[in-house]
C-alpha atoms as a PDB file:
ATOM      1  CA  MET A   1       0.000   0.000   0.000  1.00  0.00           C
ATOM      2  CA  THR A   2       1.359   3.422  -0.929  1.00  0.00           C
ATOM      3  CA  ALA A   3       1.352   6.303   1.510  1.00  0.00           C
ATOM      4  CA  LYS A   4      -1.230   9.046   0.996  1.00  0.00           C
ATOM      5  CA  LEU A   5       0.400  12.430   0.527  1.00  0.00           C
ATOM      6  CA  ASP A   6      -0.780  15.916   1.258  1.00  0.00           C
ATOM      7  CA  TYR A   7       1.043  19.245   1.206  1.00  0.00           C
ATOM      8  CA  SER A   8       1.708  22.357   3.250  1.00  0.00           C
ATOM      9  CA  TRP A   9       1.505  25.759   1.571  1.00  0.00           C
ATOM     10  CA  HIS A  10       4.153  28.264   2.714  1.00  0.00           C
ATOM     11  CA  LEU A  11       3.443  31.325   0.548  1.00  0.00           C
ATOM     12  CA  ARG A  12       2.752  33.617   3.502  1.00  0.00           C
ATOM     13  CA  GLU A  13       5.995  32.625   5.246  1.00  0.00           C
ATOM     14  CA  VAL A  14       8.079  33.036   2.091  1.00  0.00           C
ATOM     15  CA  MET A  15       6.514  36.442   1.452  1.00  0.00           C
ATOM     16  CA  ALA A  16       7.382  37.509   5.016  1.00  0.00           C
ATOM     17  CA  THR A  17      11.026  36.514   4.583  1.00  0.00           C
ATOM     18  CA  ARG A  18      11.097  38.756   1.488  1.00  0.00           C
ATOM     19  CA  GLY A  19       9.606  41.715   3.386  1.00  0.00           C
ATOM     20  CA  MET A  20       6.112  41.365   1.891  1.00  0.00           C
ATOM     21  CA  PHE A  21       3.612  41.448   4.756  1.00  0.00           C
ATOM     22  CA  SER A  22       0.414  42.356   2.907  1.00  0.00           C
ATOM     23  CA  THR A  23      -1.488  40.545   0.178  1.00  0.00           C
ATOM     24  CA  THR A  24      -1.812  43.868  -1.647  1.00  0.00           C
ATOM     25  CA  ASP A  25       1.977  43.821  -2.179  1.00  0.00           C
ATOM     26  CA  LEU A  26       1.638  40.727  -4.333  1.00  0.00           C
ATOM     27  CA  ARG A  27      -1.186  41.765  -6.669  1.00  0.00           C
ATOM     28  CA  PRO A  28       0.667  44.373  -8.814  1.00  0.00           C
ATOM     29  CA  LEU A  29       3.680  42.069  -9.123  1.00  0.00           C
ATOM     30  CA  LEU A  30       1.434  39.298 -10.439  1.00  0.00           C
ATOM     31  CA  ALA A  31      -0.216  41.756 -12.837  1.00  0.00           C
ATOM     32  CA  GLU A  32       3.215  42.698 -14.255  1.00  0.00           C
ATOM     33  CA  ARG A  33       3.592  39.033 -15.210  1.00  0.00           C
ATOM     34  CA  GLY A  34       0.160  38.773 -16.833  1.00  0.00           C
ATOM     35  CA  ILE A  35      -1.669  37.207 -13.873  1.00  0.00           C
ATOM     36  CA  ASP A  36      -4.789  39.254 -13.128  1.00  0.00           C
ATOM     37  CA  LEU A  37      -6.307  38.190  -9.803  1.00  0.00           C
ATOM     38  CA  SER A  38      -8.970  40.018  -7.826  1.00  0.00           C
ATOM     39  CA  PRO A  39      -8.084  41.235  -4.328  1.00  0.00           C
ATOM     40  CA  SER A  40     -10.097  38.382  -2.783  1.00  0.00           C
ATOM     41  CA  GLN A  41      -8.410  35.780  -5.007  1.00  0.00           C
ATOM     42  CA  THR A  42      -4.989  37.138  -4.032  1.00  0.00           C
ATOM     43  CA  TYR A  43      -5.944  37.062  -0.357  1.00  0.00           C
ATOM     44  CA  ARG A  44      -7.135  33.441  -0.585  1.00  0.00           C
ATOM     45  CA  LEU A  45      -3.977  32.462  -2.472  1.00  0.00           C
ATOM     46  CA  VAL A  46      -1.808  33.818   0.348  1.00  0.00           C
ATOM     47  CA  VAL A  47      -3.884  32.916   3.408  1.00  0.00           C
ATOM     48  CA  GLU A  48      -5.476  29.591   2.438  1.00  0.00           C
ATOM     49  CA  ARG A  49      -4.065  26.411   1.002  1.00  0.00           C
ATOM     50  CA  PRO A  50      -4.968  26.339  -2.707  1.00  0.00           C
ATOM     51  CA  GLU A  51      -6.566  23.187  -4.092  1.00  0.00           C
ATOM     52  CA  ARG A  52      -6.157  24.259  -7.728  1.00  0.00           C
ATOM     53  CA  MET A  53      -3.730  26.727  -9.261  1.00  0.00           C
ATOM     54  CA  SER A  54      -2.544  27.369 -12.792  1.00  0.00           C
ATOM     55  CA  LEU A  55       1.084  26.649 -13.527  1.00  0.00           C
ATOM     56  CA  LYS A  56       1.448  30.189 -14.873  1.00  0.00           C
ATOM     57  CA  THR A  57       0.431  31.566 -11.473  1.00  0.00           C
ATOM     58  CA  LEU A  58       2.837  29.221  -9.709  1.00  0.00           C
ATOM     59  CA  MET A  59       5.705  30.196 -12.022  1.00  0.00           C
ATOM     60  CA  ALA A  60       4.918  33.894 -11.486  1.00  0.00           C
ATOM     61  CA  LEU A  61       5.052  33.396  -7.690  1.00  0.00           C
ATOM     62  CA  LEU A  62       8.404  31.612  -7.980  1.00  0.00           C
ATOM     63  CA  ASP A  63       9.751  34.452 -10.128  1.00  0.00           C
ATOM     64  CA  ILE A  64       8.429  37.211  -7.841  1.00  0.00           C
ATOM     65  CA  LEU A  65       9.754  35.614  -4.666  1.00  0.00           C
ATOM     66  CA  GLY A  66      12.992  34.267  -6.136  1.00  0.00           C
ATOM     67  CA  CYS A  67      12.376  30.854  -4.606  1.00  0.00           C
ATOM     68  CA  SER A  68      11.901  27.248  -5.655  1.00  0.00           C
ATOM     69  CA  MET A  69       8.835  25.021  -5.482  1.00  0.00           C
ATOM     70  CA  GLU A  70      10.285  23.278  -2.425  1.00  0.00           C
ATOM     71  CA  ASP A  71      10.120  26.603  -0.578  1.00  0.00           C
ATOM     72  CA  LEU A  72       6.395  27.048  -1.338  1.00  0.00           C
ATOM     73  CA  ILE A  73       5.081  23.480  -1.328  1.00  0.00           C
ATOM     74  CA  GLU A  74       6.126  20.931   1.278  1.00  0.00           C
ATOM     75  CA  PRO A  75       4.911  17.338   0.818  1.00  0.00           C
ATOM     76  CA  VAL A  76       3.604  15.779   4.042  1.00  0.00           C
ATOM     77  CA  ALA A  77       1.862  12.534   4.957  1.00  0.00           C
ATOM     78  CA  ALA A  78      -1.927  12.791   4.885  1.00  0.00           C
ATOM     79  CA  ALA A  79      -3.537  12.833   8.328  1.00  0.00           C
ATOM     80  CA  GLY A  80      -6.296  10.363   9.190  1.00  0.00           C
ATOM     81  CA  GLY A  81      -5.940   8.342   6.014  1.00  0.00           C
ATOM     82  CA  ARG A  82      -6.301   4.957   7.722  1.00  0.00           C
ATOM     83  CA  ARG A  83      -9.606   3.210   8.252  1.00  0.00           C
ATOM     84  CA  ARG A  84     -10.118   0.692  11.007  1.00  0.00           C
ATOM     85  CA  LYS A  85     -12.835  -1.578  12.333  1.00  0.00           C
ATOM     86  CA  THR A  86     -14.229  -1.115  15.825  1.00  0.00           C
ATOM     87  CA  ALA A  87     -16.406  -3.390  17.930  1.00  0.00           C
ATOM     88  CA  ALA A  88     -18.459  -0.459  19.260  1.00  0.00           C
ATOM     89  CA  ALA A  89     -19.606   0.422  15.763  1.00  0.00           C
ATOM     90  CA  GLY A  90     -20.817  -3.095  15.069  1.00  0.00           C
ATOM     91  CA  GLY A  91     -17.780  -3.954  12.992  1.00  0.00           C
ATOM     92  CA  GLY A  92     -18.339  -1.015  10.626  1.00  0.00           C
ATOM     93  CA  GLU A  93     -15.484   1.096   9.384  1.00  0.00           C
ATOM     94  CA  GLN A  94     -14.765   4.527  10.747  1.00  0.00           C
ATOM     95  CA  THR A  95     -12.014   7.081  10.443  1.00  0.00           C
ATOM     96  CA  GLY A  96     -10.096   9.030  13.046  1.00  0.00           C
ATOM     97  CA  GLU A  97      -8.814   8.205  16.478  1.00  0.00           C
ATOM     98  CA  GLY A  98     -11.667   6.768  18.537  1.00  0.00           C
ATOM     99  CA  THR A  99     -14.336   9.123  17.213  1.00  0.00           C
ATOM    100  CA  SER A 100     -17.566   7.827  15.759  1.00  0.00           C
ATOM    101  CA  GLY A 101     -18.109   8.938  12.208  1.00  0.00           C
ATOM    102  CA  VAL A 102     -20.930   9.067   9.708  1.00  0.00           C
ATOM    103  CA  GLY A 103     -20.431   5.354   9.064  1.00  0.00           C
ATOM    104  CA  ASP A 104     -22.335   4.586  12.275  1.00  0.00           C
ATOM    105  CA  PHE A 105     -25.500   6.105  10.785  1.00  0.00           C
ATOM    106  CA  ARG A 106     -25.599   4.278   7.455  1.00  0.00           C
ATOM    107  CA  PRO A 107     -28.970   2.696   6.595  1.00  0.00           C
ATOM    108  CA  LYS A 108     -29.354  -1.073   6.533  1.00  0.00           C
ATOM    109  CA  ARG A 109     -29.832  -2.695   3.142  1.00  0.00           C
ATOM    110  CA  ALA A 110     -33.458  -3.630   2.410  1.00  0.00           C
ATOM    111  CA  ARG A 111     -34.299  -7.259   1.707  1.00  0.00           C
ATOM    112  CA  ILE A 112     -37.029  -8.102  -0.772  1.00  0.00           C
ATOM    113  CA  LEU A 113     -38.810 -11.298   0.229  1.00  0.00           C
ATOM    114  CA  PRO A 114     -40.713 -13.484  -2.236  1.00  0.00           C
ATOM    115  CA  GLU A 115     -44.517 -13.508  -1.842  1.00  0.00           C
END
């Protein structure tokens, strides 16, 4: 079985090391490179972990910050990826460490009996 991977996004930290402490500092620099993002898109790019991003935007960030992809994106092991069976849940599968999940509330399969 292969390990499930996730990632950490370090744009805010890299910006801070370059003296950029506001998301508004980034927007005109992206625009110079042909990346036109709204103020809210720029804010989300810096503050949140992006799920999707164009490669042009990523390359512009690397150029602006003078860094490599390893500085911005750190691969990490995915948390809570394992599923296990518990006796308390009637042998059903659940995720997490000792917490009951949605799996405990799944409906039972209906049986159709002959007449």
